[in-house]
Protein backbone atom coordinates (compact mmCIF):
# COMPACT_ATOMS: atom_id res chain seq x y z
CA MET A 1 97.37 66.97 55.54
CA ALA A 2 99.68 64.98 57.19
CA LEU A 3 99.88 66.56 60.75
CA THR A 4 103.02 66.19 63.14
CA PRO A 5 103.61 67.11 66.36
CA ASP A 6 105.73 70.11 65.21
CA ASP A 7 103.01 71.54 63.20
CA VAL A 8 100.61 71.46 66.67
CA VAL A 9 103.44 73.25 68.52
CA THR A 10 104.39 75.78 66.09
CA LYS A 11 100.35 76.38 65.01
CA GLN A 12 99.56 80.03 65.19
CA PHE A 13 96.13 81.48 65.71
CA GLN A 14 94.84 85.03 64.77
CA HIS A 15 94.18 87.15 67.35
CA VAL A 16 90.40 88.77 67.11
CA ARG A 17 89.75 92.34 67.44
CA PHE A 18 88.05 93.74 70.07
CA LYS A 19 88.87 90.97 72.63
CA GLU A 20 91.33 89.24 74.18
CA GLY A 21 92.21 85.60 72.85
CA PHE A 22 92.10 83.68 69.87
CA ASP A 23 89.32 82.86 67.08
CA PRO A 24 87.15 79.94 68.79
CA ASP A 25 86.13 79.03 65.29
CA GLU A 26 90.22 78.62 63.95
CA VAL A 27 90.87 76.75 67.43
CA ASP A 28 87.95 74.04 66.66
CA ASP A 29 88.85 73.88 62.67
CA PHE A 30 92.60 73.05 64.01
CA LEU A 31 91.66 70.92 66.97
CA ASP A 32 89.29 69.12 64.00
CA GLU A 33 92.41 68.36 61.92
CA ILE A 34 94.13 67.06 64.85
CA VAL A 35 91.18 64.59 65.57
CA VAL A 36 91.26 63.36 61.61
CA GLU A 37 95.02 62.89 61.80
CA TRP A 38 94.35 61.03 65.09
CA ARG A 39 91.95 58.68 63.83
CA LYS A 40 94.12 57.82 60.84
CA THR A 41 96.82 56.95 63.09
CA ILE A 42 94.67 54.72 65.17
CA ALA A 43 93.14 53.09 62.00
CA GLU A 44 96.57 52.85 60.88
CA ASN A 45 97.93 51.14 64.06
CA ASP A 46 95.13 48.67 63.88
CA GLU A 47 95.85 47.57 61.00
CA LEU A 48 99.16 46.73 61.74
CA LYS A 49 98.75 45.32 64.59
CA ALA A 50 96.44 42.79 62.70
CA LYS A 51 99.01 42.47 60.34
CA LEU A 52 101.42 41.51 62.78
CA ALA A 53 99.04 39.13 64.82
CA ALA A 54 98.60 37.29 61.71
CA TYR A 55 102.14 37.15 60.94
CA GLU A 56 103.06 36.19 64.20
CA SER A 57 100.34 33.24 63.80
CA GLY A 58 101.77 32.01 60.47
CA SER A 59 98.89 32.97 58.80
CA GLU A 60 101.12 34.84 56.13
CA ALA A 61 103.92 32.69 56.02
CA PRO A 62 102.77 30.82 53.03
CA ALA A 63 102.17 33.70 51.07
CA ALA A 64 105.36 35.21 51.95
CA ALA A 65 107.37 32.01 51.02
CA ALA A 66 108.70 31.23 48.05
CA PRO A 67 107.51 28.52 45.50
CA ALA A 68 108.03 25.02 46.46
CA GLU A 69 109.76 23.99 43.06
CA VAL A 70 112.28 27.04 43.49
CA VAL A 71 113.42 26.64 46.85
CA GLU A 72 113.34 23.52 48.32
CA GLU A 73 113.82 24.68 52.26
CA ALA A 74 111.17 25.58 54.21
CA PRO A 75 111.63 29.62 55.19
CA ALA A 76 113.78 30.16 58.20
CA PRO A 77 111.76 31.51 61.39
CA VAL A 78 111.69 35.18 61.72
CA PRO A 79 114.31 36.17 64.48
CA ALA A 80 112.83 37.44 67.73
CA ALA A 81 114.68 40.61 67.23
CA GLN A 82 112.46 41.15 64.17
CA VAL A 83 109.37 40.53 65.48
CA SER A 84 110.29 42.95 68.38
CA ASP A 85 110.75 45.61 66.10
CA ALA A 86 107.97 45.07 64.20
CA GLY A 87 105.95 45.35 67.64
CA GLN A 88 107.67 48.72 68.18
CA GLY A 89 107.01 50.18 64.62
CA ALA A 90 103.52 49.32 65.48
CA ALA A 91 103.92 51.06 68.56
CA ALA A 92 105.18 54.02 67.19
CA PRO A 93 102.05 55.27 65.69
CA ALA A 94 100.26 54.82 68.79
CA ALA A 95 102.84 56.98 70.71
CA ALA A 96 102.73 59.63 68.31
CA SER A 97 98.95 59.87 68.39
CA ALA A 98 99.06 59.63 72.55
CA GLY A 99 101.24 62.29 72.17
CA ILE A 100 99.35 64.41 69.75
CA ILE A 101 96.20 63.92 72.06
CA GLU A 102 98.39 65.12 75.18
CA LEU A 103 99.44 68.15 73.22
CA ALA A 104 95.95 68.93 71.92
CA GLN A 105 94.99 68.53 75.05
CA ARG A 106 97.64 70.55 77.00
CA LEU A 107 97.04 73.21 74.33
CA HIS A 108 93.11 73.12 75.07
CA ASP A 109 93.75 73.42 78.76
CA GLU A 110 95.93 76.12 78.25
CA HIS A 111 93.34 78.36 76.02
CA VAL A 112 90.60 77.32 78.39
CA ALA A 113 92.51 78.57 81.65
CA GLU A 114 93.61 81.64 79.63
CA GLY A 115 89.97 81.99 78.55
CA ILE A 116 88.81 81.97 82.41
CA ALA A 117 91.60 84.52 83.47
CA GLN A 118 90.85 87.00 80.91
CA ARG A 119 86.91 86.61 82.13
CA ASP A 120 87.62 86.78 85.50
CA LYS A 121 89.89 89.85 84.97
CA LEU A 122 87.03 91.40 83.00
CA ILE A 123 84.56 90.94 85.44
CA ALA A 124 86.99 92.52 88.19
CA ASP A 125 87.17 95.49 85.69
CA ALA A 126 83.67 95.72 85.33
CA GLN A 127 82.78 95.44 88.80
CA SER A 128 85.80 98.25 89.77
CA GLN A 129 84.41 100.27 86.93
CA ALA A 130 80.43 99.88 87.93
CA ALA A 131 81.68 100.87 91.66
CA SER A 132 83.70 103.75 90.44
CA ILE A 133 80.52 104.77 88.35
CA VAL A 134 78.16 104.13 90.96
CA SER A 135 80.24 106.62 93.77
CA GLU A 136 80.95 109.19 91.06
CA ALA A 137 77.36 109.43 90.72
CA GLU A 138 76.44 109.21 94.53
CA THR A 139 78.75 112.09 94.96
CA LYS A 140 77.35 114.03 92.12
CA GLY A 141 73.78 113.43 93.35
CA ARG A 142 74.80 114.89 97.11
CA GLU A 143 76.40 118.02 95.46
CA GLU A 144 73.60 118.34 93.31
CA ILE A 145 70.85 118.20 96.46
CA ALA A 146 73.28 120.39 98.70
CA ARG A 147 72.87 122.95 96.02
CA LEU A 148 69.22 122.69 95.37
CA ASP A 149 69.33 122.81 99.47
CA LYS A 150 70.99 125.81 99.31
CA GLU A 151 69.18 127.61 96.28
CA ARG A 152 65.81 126.30 98.29
CA ALA A 153 66.93 128.46 101.56
CA SER A 154 67.79 131.33 99.27
CA LEU A 155 64.56 131.63 97.82
CA GLU A 156 62.79 131.05 101.10
CA SER A 157 64.34 134.08 102.36
CA ARG A 158 63.58 135.79 99.33
CA ILE A 159 59.92 135.25 99.79
CA THR A 160 60.00 135.85 103.21
CA GLU A 161 61.58 139.40 102.61
CA LEU A 162 58.97 139.94 99.94
CA ARG A 163 55.97 138.85 102.13
CA ASN A 164 57.38 141.34 104.89
CA PHE A 165 57.87 143.94 101.94
CA GLU A 166 54.16 143.46 100.86
CA ARG A 167 53.25 143.39 104.48
CA ASP A 168 54.73 146.93 105.19
CA TYR A 169 53.69 148.26 102.18
CA ARG A 170 50.25 147.63 102.66
CA ALA A 171 50.16 149.14 105.73
CA GLN A 172 51.97 152.17 104.59
CA LEU A 173 49.37 152.34 101.87
CA ARG A 174 46.50 151.98 104.66
CA GLY A 175 47.82 154.56 106.58
CA TYR A 176 48.39 156.91 103.63
CA ILE A 177 44.78 156.25 102.03
CA GLU A 178 43.17 156.70 105.69
CA GLY A 179 45.31 160.05 106.09
CA LYS A 180 44.24 161.18 102.79
CA LEU A 181 40.61 160.34 103.78
CA ARG A 182 40.81 161.97 107.13
CA ASP A 183 41.82 165.16 105.23
CA LEU A 184 39.56 164.79 102.73
CA GLU A 185 36.49 164.76 105.25
CA THR A 186 38.16 167.84 106.93
CA THR A 187 38.53 169.45 104.02
CA GLY A 188 34.51 168.54 103.59
CA THR A 189 33.44 169.62 107.04
CA THR A 190 35.41 172.77 106.72
CA SER A 191 34.34 173.84 103.56
CA GLY A 192 30.62 172.97 104.34
CA SER A 193 30.47 175.73 107.09
CA THR A 194 32.09 178.14 104.64
CA PRO A 195 29.60 180.39 102.60
CA VAL A 196 29.34 179.41 98.68
CA SER A 197 30.27 183.34 98.16
CA ALA A 198 32.99 183.08 100.26
CA ILE A 199 34.45 180.40 98.06
CA GLY A 200 34.16 182.30 94.72
CA LEU A 201 31.01 180.09 92.95
């Protein structure tokens, strides 16, 4: 395709889903097209320069002249204005290619700068989000530790109460059993001195 500076200016790239910026493959393909057209322009420019140099040196003058038998006079020299116009015509493709290169370079720099800015923004957002997550996790961790400490204190208090209850219960049970044993011994001693006939056996 014949690429013009307007094509470069009006080129629209497709946006990529899930991230900012343009499709790198599409940008690379377009830049490749620019390079191809630029190389063609350089080749044409070199060819025109060679033709101009050959024309100015007079090597093409006999080929351009009419046959001797038809025209008796020698060809008139080319006016300087025409040579100047030819030089400007040869310089025009070079200027166009330089403009294309400059435009492509500017587009490339803009895309690179946009990519760097987007990268920095994503990094800053990720760091901010990571700091928020860490802060939230630390807060939840402190709350959980405080809750567990409170629960542990409550359990330790309950264990102390149960141990005290067990100690008191054991003391009361021991006292009750010892009292019953004393009553039993007293009853046995008393019944031992009573005649069997008095008991009714």
